[in-house]
Amino acid sequence: MFPFWYEIKILIGAIKGNFFSSKSPDLRHIRNYYMSQKQLIRKNFKAFIILLKEVIKPKLSKVDFIFFPPYWAYSQNGKNSYFENNIGKEFNNFVCGENILDPLTVTQVYISKFPKLSNTNKLFTYDRRHFRTELLKFETRQKYCGNL
């Protein structure tokens, strides 16, 4: 509601070592929002890809593309986490959907599998918004989508 004061609050938090946010995200709200807006999100992603092609066209002929799984696919309750299957399925439908990256000329697409751990403390970084890097295992799109 008050962007200036919010920025001040983030600055004070950063000085205190709290970095960039004032509170943990509401994961249920994020999941519900995504599921209710998934068609619009796909449409906007397609528009992003078209703009990206225009930006890179003069400099690059081909690009690699990397998809990370969403951290909010996990309900985080204390030390345990629960994987939300509907979010996992939607992510897979999105990244494995045909022509998702058209009109880009892509050399390779890499997709990370969802990490498989029940202990939230070992699954996420301290801010609980990123997977620990060592847990992300990437596969080519062909292999990832072929194993579904």
N, C-alpha and C. Protein backbone atom coordinates (compact mmCIF):
# COMPACT_ATOMS: atom_id res chain seq x y z
N MET A 1 0.80 -1.19 0.00
CA MET A 1 0.00 0.00 0.00
C MET A 1 0.85 1.26 0.00
N PHE A 2 1.97 1.21 0.72
CA PHE A 2 2.86 2.36 0.83
C PHE A 2 4.27 1.95 0.40
N PRO A 3 4.54 1.98 -0.91
CA PRO A 3 5.82 1.47 -1.42
C PRO A 3 7.04 2.11 -0.78
N PHE A 4 7.01 3.42 -0.55
CA PHE A 4 8.17 4.08 0.03
C PHE A 4 8.48 3.51 1.41
N TRP A 5 7.47 3.38 2.26
CA TRP A 5 7.68 2.85 3.61
C TRP A 5 8.09 1.39 3.56
N TYR A 6 7.58 0.66 2.59
CA TYR A 6 7.97 -0.74 2.44
C TYR A 6 9.46 -0.83 2.11
N GLU A 7 9.92 0.03 1.21
CA GLU A 7 11.35 0.06 0.86
C GLU A 7 12.20 0.41 2.07
N ILE A 8 11.75 1.35 2.88
CA ILE A 8 12.47 1.71 4.10
C ILE A 8 12.54 0.51 5.04
N LYS A 9 11.44 -0.20 5.18
CA LYS A 9 11.39 -1.38 6.04
C LYS A 9 12.36 -2.46 5.55
N ILE A 10 12.43 -2.65 4.25
CA ILE A 10 13.37 -3.62 3.68
C ILE A 10 14.81 -3.17 3.94
N LEU A 11 15.09 -1.88 3.79
CA LEU A 11 16.43 -1.35 4.04
C LEU A 11 16.83 -1.59 5.49
N ILE A 12 15.93 -1.29 6.42
CA ILE A 12 16.22 -1.51 7.85
C ILE A 12 16.46 -3.00 8.11
N GLY A 13 15.66 -3.85 7.49
CA GLY A 13 15.85 -5.29 7.63
C GLY A 13 17.18 -5.75 7.10
N ALA A 14 17.60 -5.17 5.96
CA ALA A 14 18.89 -5.53 5.38
C ALA A 14 20.04 -5.13 6.29
N ILE A 15 19.91 -3.97 6.90
CA ILE A 15 20.95 -3.50 7.84
C ILE A 15 21.03 -4.44 9.05
N LYS A 16 19.88 -4.94 9.49
CA LYS A 16 19.83 -5.86 10.63
C LYS A 16 20.20 -7.29 10.24
N GLY A 17 20.38 -7.54 8.94
CA GLY A 17 20.71 -8.89 8.50
C GLY A 17 19.51 -9.72 8.09
N ASN A 18 18.34 -9.10 7.95
CA ASN A 18 17.13 -9.82 7.55
C ASN A 18 16.98 -9.85 6.04
N PHE A 19 17.86 -9.22 5.33
CA PHE A 19 17.91 -9.18 3.89
C PHE A 19 16.67 -8.53 3.29
N PHE A 20 15.96 -9.17 2.36
CA PHE A 20 15.03 -8.45 1.51
C PHE A 20 13.56 -8.56 1.84
N SER A 21 13.16 -9.27 2.84
CA SER A 21 11.72 -9.35 3.06
C SER A 21 11.39 -9.18 4.53
N SER A 22 10.17 -8.77 4.74
CA SER A 22 9.75 -8.52 6.11
C SER A 22 9.02 -9.70 6.71
N LYS A 23 8.48 -10.59 5.88
CA LYS A 23 7.79 -11.76 6.41
C LYS A 23 7.84 -12.89 5.40
N SER A 24 7.58 -14.09 5.87
CA SER A 24 7.57 -15.25 4.98
C SER A 24 6.34 -15.20 4.08
N PRO A 25 6.47 -15.72 2.86
CA PRO A 25 5.34 -15.69 1.94
C PRO A 25 4.24 -16.66 2.37
N ASP A 26 3.03 -16.37 1.99
CA ASP A 26 1.89 -17.25 2.24
C ASP A 26 1.84 -18.25 1.09
N LEU A 27 2.40 -19.44 1.31
CA LEU A 27 2.54 -20.41 0.23
C LEU A 27 1.19 -20.87 -0.32
N ARG A 28 0.22 -21.03 0.55
CA ARG A 28 -1.11 -21.45 0.09
C ARG A 28 -1.69 -20.39 -0.85
N HIS A 29 -1.51 -19.12 -0.48
CA HIS A 29 -1.99 -18.04 -1.33
C HIS A 29 -1.28 -18.04 -2.69
N ILE A 30 0.03 -18.24 -2.69
CA ILE A 30 0.80 -18.28 -3.94
C ILE A 30 0.29 -19.41 -4.83
N ARG A 31 0.11 -20.60 -4.25
CA ARG A 31 -0.37 -21.74 -5.03
C ARG A 31 -1.76 -21.48 -5.60
N ASN A 32 -2.66 -20.96 -4.78
CA ASN A 32 -4.02 -20.68 -5.24
C ASN A 32 -4.02 -19.62 -6.33
N TYR A 33 -3.20 -18.60 -6.16
CA TYR A 33 -3.11 -17.54 -7.17
C TYR A 33 -2.61 -18.12 -8.49
N TYR A 34 -1.55 -18.90 -8.41
CA TYR A 34 -1.00 -19.49 -9.64
C TYR A 34 -2.04 -20.34 -10.35
N MET A 35 -2.71 -21.21 -9.61
CA MET A 35 -3.69 -22.11 -10.23
C MET A 35 -4.86 -21.32 -10.83
N SER A 36 -5.24 -20.20 -10.20
CA SER A 36 -6.35 -19.42 -10.73
C SER A 36 -5.94 -18.57 -11.93
N GLN A 37 -4.65 -18.30 -12.07
CA GLN A 37 -4.16 -17.42 -13.14
C GLN A 37 -3.28 -18.14 -14.16
N LYS A 38 -3.27 -19.48 -14.16
CA LYS A 38 -2.30 -20.19 -14.98
C LYS A 38 -2.43 -19.90 -16.48
N GLN A 39 -3.64 -19.67 -16.98
CA GLN A 39 -3.79 -19.35 -18.41
C GLN A 39 -3.18 -17.99 -18.73
N LEU A 40 -3.42 -17.02 -17.87
CA LEU A 40 -2.84 -15.69 -18.06
C LEU A 40 -1.32 -15.74 -17.94
N ILE A 41 -0.82 -16.53 -17.00
CA ILE A 41 0.63 -16.67 -16.82
C ILE A 41 1.25 -17.28 -18.07
N ARG A 42 0.62 -18.29 -18.64
CA ARG A 42 1.13 -18.90 -19.88
C ARG A 42 1.12 -17.89 -21.02
N LYS A 43 0.06 -17.12 -21.11
CA LYS A 43 -0.04 -16.10 -22.16
C LYS A 43 1.07 -15.06 -22.00
N ASN A 44 1.31 -14.63 -20.76
CA ASN A 44 2.37 -13.65 -20.51
C ASN A 44 3.75 -14.25 -20.77
N PHE A 45 3.92 -15.53 -20.46
CA PHE A 45 5.19 -16.20 -20.73
C PHE A 45 5.44 -16.22 -22.24
N LYS A 46 4.42 -16.51 -23.00
CA LYS A 46 4.54 -16.53 -24.46
C LYS A 46 4.93 -15.14 -24.98
N ALA A 47 4.32 -14.10 -24.42
CA ALA A 47 4.66 -12.73 -24.81
C ALA A 47 6.12 -12.43 -24.45
N PHE A 48 6.57 -12.92 -23.29
CA PHE A 48 7.96 -12.74 -22.87
C PHE A 48 8.91 -13.41 -23.87
N ILE A 49 8.58 -14.60 -24.30
CA ILE A 49 9.43 -15.34 -25.25
C ILE A 49 9.53 -14.59 -26.58
N ILE A 50 8.43 -14.04 -27.03
CA ILE A 50 8.44 -13.26 -28.28
C ILE A 50 9.34 -12.03 -28.14
N LEU A 51 9.22 -11.33 -27.01
CA LEU A 51 10.08 -10.17 -26.77
C LEU A 51 11.54 -10.57 -26.62
N LEU A 52 11.79 -11.69 -25.94
CA LEU A 52 13.15 -12.18 -25.77
C LEU A 52 13.80 -12.47 -27.13
N LYS A 53 13.04 -13.05 -28.02
CA LYS A 53 13.57 -13.34 -29.36
C LYS A 53 14.01 -12.05 -30.05
N GLU A 54 13.22 -11.00 -29.92
CA GLU A 54 13.57 -9.73 -30.55
C GLU A 54 14.83 -9.12 -29.94
N VAL A 55 15.02 -9.32 -28.65
CA VAL A 55 16.18 -8.76 -27.97
C VAL A 55 17.45 -9.51 -28.35
N ILE A 56 17.37 -10.83 -28.43
CA ILE A 56 18.59 -11.61 -28.68
C ILE A 56 18.88 -11.83 -30.16
N LYS A 57 17.89 -11.60 -31.02
CA LYS A 57 18.05 -11.88 -32.44
C LYS A 57 19.30 -11.26 -33.06
N PRO A 58 19.59 -10.00 -32.79
CA PRO A 58 20.78 -9.43 -33.44
C PRO A 58 22.10 -10.00 -32.94
N LYS A 59 22.11 -10.59 -31.73
CA LYS A 59 23.38 -11.02 -31.14
C LYS A 59 23.57 -12.53 -31.10
N LEU A 60 22.49 -13.27 -30.86
CA LEU A 60 22.59 -14.72 -30.70
C LEU A 60 21.65 -15.42 -31.64
N SER A 61 22.08 -16.54 -32.15
CA SER A 61 21.17 -17.30 -33.01
C SER A 61 20.44 -18.38 -32.22
N LYS A 62 21.08 -18.88 -31.17
CA LYS A 62 20.47 -19.94 -30.36
C LYS A 62 20.75 -19.68 -28.88
N VAL A 63 19.86 -20.17 -28.02
CA VAL A 63 20.03 -20.02 -26.58
C VAL A 63 19.72 -21.32 -25.87
N ASP A 64 20.25 -21.46 -24.67
CA ASP A 64 19.86 -22.53 -23.76
C ASP A 64 18.83 -21.95 -22.80
N PHE A 65 17.92 -22.77 -22.33
CA PHE A 65 16.88 -22.30 -21.43
C PHE A 65 16.84 -23.24 -20.23
N ILE A 66 16.71 -22.68 -19.03
CA ILE A 66 16.71 -23.47 -17.79
C ILE A 66 15.43 -23.20 -17.02
N PHE A 67 14.75 -24.26 -16.61
CA PHE A 67 13.56 -24.15 -15.76
C PHE A 67 13.86 -24.71 -14.38
N PHE A 68 13.54 -23.90 -13.37
CA PHE A 68 13.66 -24.32 -11.98
C PHE A 68 12.26 -24.64 -11.46
N PRO A 69 12.12 -25.65 -10.63
CA PRO A 69 10.80 -25.92 -10.05
C PRO A 69 10.45 -24.86 -9.02
N PRO A 70 9.17 -24.57 -8.84
CA PRO A 70 8.78 -23.55 -7.87
C PRO A 70 8.91 -24.06 -6.43
N TYR A 71 9.53 -23.26 -5.58
CA TYR A 71 9.68 -23.64 -4.18
C TYR A 71 8.33 -23.76 -3.49
N TRP A 72 7.35 -23.04 -3.96
CA TRP A 72 6.05 -23.02 -3.31
C TRP A 72 5.21 -24.25 -3.64
N ALA A 73 5.81 -25.21 -4.32
CA ALA A 73 5.13 -26.50 -4.54
C ALA A 73 5.16 -27.34 -3.27
N TYR A 74 5.91 -26.88 -2.27
CA TYR A 74 6.01 -27.60 -1.01
C TYR A 74 5.31 -26.81 0.10
N SER A 75 4.47 -27.50 0.85
CA SER A 75 3.92 -26.91 2.07
C SER A 75 5.01 -27.06 3.11
N GLN A 76 5.35 -25.99 3.78
CA GLN A 76 6.44 -26.02 4.74
C GLN A 76 5.87 -25.86 6.14
N ASN A 77 5.81 -26.95 6.86
CA ASN A 77 5.28 -26.94 8.22
C ASN A 77 6.39 -27.35 9.18
N GLY A 78 6.97 -26.37 9.84
CA GLY A 78 8.03 -26.68 10.79
C GLY A 78 9.22 -27.30 10.11
N LYS A 79 9.58 -28.52 10.54
CA LYS A 79 10.74 -29.19 9.97
C LYS A 79 10.38 -30.11 8.81
N ASN A 80 9.10 -30.32 8.55
CA ASN A 80 8.68 -31.20 7.48
C ASN A 80 8.08 -30.42 6.33
N SER A 81 8.10 -31.04 5.17
CA SER A 81 7.47 -30.42 4.01
C SER A 81 6.61 -31.47 3.32
N TYR A 82 5.62 -30.99 2.61
CA TYR A 82 4.71 -31.86 1.90
C TYR A 82 4.63 -31.35 0.47
N PHE A 83 4.87 -32.24 -0.47
CA PHE A 83 4.85 -31.87 -1.88
C PHE A 83 3.41 -31.80 -2.38
N GLU A 84 3.06 -30.68 -2.99
CA GLU A 84 1.71 -30.48 -3.54
C GLU A 84 1.70 -31.04 -4.97
N ASN A 85 1.10 -32.21 -5.14
CA ASN A 85 1.11 -32.89 -6.44
C ASN A 85 0.49 -32.07 -7.56
N ASN A 86 -0.57 -31.32 -7.27
CA ASN A 86 -1.21 -30.55 -8.34
C ASN A 86 -0.28 -29.48 -8.90
N ILE A 87 0.57 -28.90 -8.06
CA ILE A 87 1.54 -27.91 -8.54
C ILE A 87 2.62 -28.61 -9.35
N GLY A 88 3.07 -29.75 -8.89
CA GLY A 88 4.07 -30.52 -9.63
C GLY A 88 3.56 -30.91 -11.01
N LYS A 89 2.32 -31.37 -11.09
CA LYS A 89 1.74 -31.74 -12.38
C LYS A 89 1.61 -30.53 -13.30
N GLU A 90 1.19 -29.41 -12.74
CA GLU A 90 1.05 -28.20 -13.55
C GLU A 90 2.41 -27.72 -14.06
N PHE A 91 3.44 -27.78 -13.21
CA PHE A 91 4.80 -27.43 -13.64
C PHE A 91 5.22 -28.33 -14.80
N ASN A 92 4.99 -29.63 -14.65
CA ASN A 92 5.37 -30.57 -15.71
C ASN A 92 4.59 -30.30 -17.00
N ASN A 93 3.31 -30.01 -16.89
CA ASN A 93 2.52 -29.68 -18.08
C ASN A 93 3.07 -28.43 -18.76
N PHE A 94 3.48 -27.47 -17.95
CA PHE A 94 4.01 -26.22 -18.49
C PHE A 94 5.33 -26.44 -19.21
N VAL A 95 6.30 -27.04 -18.55
CA VAL A 95 7.64 -27.16 -19.14
C VAL A 95 7.71 -28.21 -20.24
N CYS A 96 6.80 -29.18 -20.21
CA CYS A 96 6.80 -30.22 -21.23
C CYS A 96 5.80 -29.95 -22.34
N GLY A 97 5.04 -28.85 -22.21
CA GLY A 97 4.06 -28.51 -23.23
C GLY A 97 4.73 -28.23 -24.57
N GLU A 98 4.05 -28.62 -25.61
CA GLU A 98 4.60 -28.41 -26.94
C GLU A 98 4.68 -26.93 -27.27
N ASN A 99 5.73 -26.57 -27.97
CA ASN A 99 5.93 -25.22 -28.49
C ASN A 99 5.98 -24.14 -27.41
N ILE A 100 6.32 -24.50 -26.19
CA ILE A 100 6.36 -23.51 -25.11
C ILE A 100 7.39 -22.41 -25.39
N LEU A 101 8.46 -22.75 -26.09
CA LEU A 101 9.52 -21.77 -26.33
C LEU A 101 9.52 -21.23 -27.75
N ASP A 102 8.54 -21.58 -28.55
CA ASP A 102 8.44 -21.00 -29.89
C ASP A 102 8.15 -19.53 -29.75
N PRO A 103 8.77 -18.66 -30.45
CA PRO A 103 9.55 -18.81 -31.67
C PRO A 103 11.07 -18.78 -31.44
N LEU A 104 11.53 -18.99 -30.21
CA LEU A 104 12.98 -19.00 -29.96
C LEU A 104 13.63 -20.20 -30.64
N THR A 105 14.86 -20.01 -31.08
CA THR A 105 15.66 -21.14 -31.54
C THR A 105 16.51 -21.55 -30.35
N VAL A 106 16.14 -22.66 -29.74
CA VAL A 106 16.77 -23.10 -28.50
C VAL A 106 17.72 -24.25 -28.79
N THR A 107 18.94 -24.14 -28.27
CA THR A 107 19.89 -25.22 -28.41
C THR A 107 19.54 -26.37 -27.48
N GLN A 108 19.29 -26.02 -26.22
CA GLN A 108 18.97 -27.04 -25.23
C GLN A 108 18.08 -26.44 -24.14
N VAL A 109 17.20 -27.26 -23.61
CA VAL A 109 16.35 -26.87 -22.48
C VAL A 109 16.69 -27.81 -21.34
N TYR A 110 16.98 -27.24 -20.18
CA TYR A 110 17.28 -28.01 -18.98
C TYR A 110 16.17 -27.76 -17.96
N ILE A 111 15.79 -28.82 -17.29
CA ILE A 111 14.74 -28.73 -16.27
C ILE A 111 15.23 -29.45 -15.03
N SER A 112 15.03 -28.82 -13.88
CA SER A 112 15.41 -29.47 -12.63
C SER A 112 14.25 -30.29 -12.10
N LYS A 113 14.57 -31.47 -11.62
CA LYS A 113 13.57 -32.28 -10.93
C LYS A 113 13.24 -31.63 -9.60
N PHE A 114 12.05 -31.90 -9.09
CA PHE A 114 11.71 -31.45 -7.74
C PHE A 114 12.56 -32.25 -6.76
N PRO A 115 13.24 -31.57 -5.83
CA PRO A 115 14.03 -32.30 -4.83
C PRO A 115 13.13 -33.19 -3.97
N LYS A 116 13.66 -34.32 -3.55
CA LYS A 116 12.89 -35.27 -2.75
C LYS A 116 13.48 -35.35 -1.34
N LEU A 117 13.01 -34.49 -0.47
CA LEU A 117 13.39 -34.53 0.95
C LEU A 117 12.18 -34.14 1.77
N SER A 118 12.02 -34.76 2.92
CA SER A 118 10.90 -34.38 3.77
C SER A 118 11.30 -33.35 4.82
N ASN A 119 12.59 -33.22 5.10
CA ASN A 119 13.05 -32.27 6.10
C ASN A 119 13.24 -30.90 5.45
N THR A 120 12.36 -29.97 5.77
CA THR A 120 12.38 -28.63 5.18
C THR A 120 13.70 -27.92 5.43
N ASN A 121 14.30 -28.12 6.60
CA ASN A 121 15.56 -27.44 6.92
C ASN A 121 16.66 -27.83 5.96
N LYS A 122 16.61 -29.03 5.42
CA LYS A 122 17.63 -29.47 4.48
C LYS A 122 17.23 -29.22 3.03
N LEU A 123 15.98 -28.91 2.80
CA LEU A 123 15.47 -28.72 1.45
C LEU A 123 15.68 -27.29 0.94
N PHE A 124 15.54 -26.31 1.83
CA PHE A 124 15.55 -24.90 1.43
C PHE A 124 16.72 -24.14 2.06
N THR A 125 17.03 -22.99 1.45
CA THR A 125 18.02 -22.09 2.04
C THR A 125 17.37 -21.40 3.24
N TYR A 126 18.13 -20.58 3.95
CA TYR A 126 17.65 -19.95 5.17
C TYR A 126 16.39 -19.10 4.96
N ASP A 127 16.22 -18.52 3.76
CA ASP A 127 15.05 -17.67 3.54
C ASP A 127 13.81 -18.46 3.14
N ARG A 128 13.96 -19.79 2.95
CA ARG A 128 12.88 -20.71 2.61
C ARG A 128 12.20 -20.37 1.28
N ARG A 129 12.91 -19.65 0.41
CA ARG A 129 12.39 -19.29 -0.90
C ARG A 129 13.23 -19.84 -2.04
N HIS A 130 14.23 -20.61 -1.70
CA HIS A 130 15.11 -21.19 -2.72
C HIS A 130 15.50 -22.59 -2.28
N PHE A 131 15.60 -23.48 -3.25
CA PHE A 131 16.10 -24.82 -2.95
C PHE A 131 17.60 -24.72 -2.73
N ARG A 132 18.12 -25.58 -1.90
CA ARG A 132 19.57 -25.66 -1.74
C ARG A 132 20.15 -26.11 -3.07
N THR A 133 21.18 -25.47 -3.52
CA THR A 133 21.74 -25.70 -4.85
C THR A 133 22.12 -27.15 -5.08
N GLU A 134 22.69 -27.78 -4.08
CA GLU A 134 23.15 -29.16 -4.27
C GLU A 134 22.00 -30.15 -4.47
N LEU A 135 20.77 -29.73 -4.19
CA LEU A 135 19.62 -30.62 -4.36
C LEU A 135 19.00 -30.54 -5.75
N LEU A 136 19.37 -29.53 -6.51
CA LEU A 136 18.80 -29.38 -7.84
C LEU A 136 19.58 -30.24 -8.83
N LYS A 137 18.88 -31.15 -9.47
CA LYS A 137 19.47 -32.05 -10.46
C LYS A 137 18.80 -31.77 -11.80
N PHE A 138 19.59 -31.34 -12.78
CA PHE A 138 19.05 -30.95 -14.07
C PHE A 138 19.16 -32.07 -15.09
N GLU A 139 18.14 -32.11 -15.93
CA GLU A 139 18.12 -33.05 -17.05
C GLU A 139 17.72 -32.27 -18.30
N THR A 140 18.03 -32.82 -19.44
CA THR A 140 17.55 -32.20 -20.67
C THR A 140 16.04 -32.34 -20.71
N ARG A 141 15.42 -31.49 -21.46
CA ARG A 141 13.95 -31.54 -21.58
C ARG A 141 13.49 -32.90 -22.12
N GLN A 142 14.22 -33.43 -23.09
CA GLN A 142 13.85 -34.71 -23.67
C GLN A 142 13.82 -35.80 -22.60
N LYS A 143 14.85 -35.85 -21.77
CA LYS A 143 14.92 -36.87 -20.74
C LYS A 143 13.88 -36.63 -19.64
N TYR A 144 13.78 -35.37 -19.19
CA TYR A 144 12.84 -35.03 -18.11
C TYR A 144 11.40 -35.37 -18.53
N CYS A 145 11.01 -34.87 -19.67
CA CYS A 145 9.62 -35.08 -20.12
C CYS A 145 9.38 -36.51 -20.58
N GLY A 146 10.41 -37.17 -21.05
CA GLY A 146 10.27 -38.57 -21.46
C GLY A 146 10.07 -39.50 -20.29
N ASN A 147 10.53 -39.10 -19.10
CA ASN A 147 10.40 -39.93 -17.89
C ASN A 147 9.06 -39.74 -17.18
N LEU A 148 8.23 -38.83 -17.65
CA LEU A 148 6.94 -38.57 -16.96
C LEU A 148 5.92 -39.63 -17.28
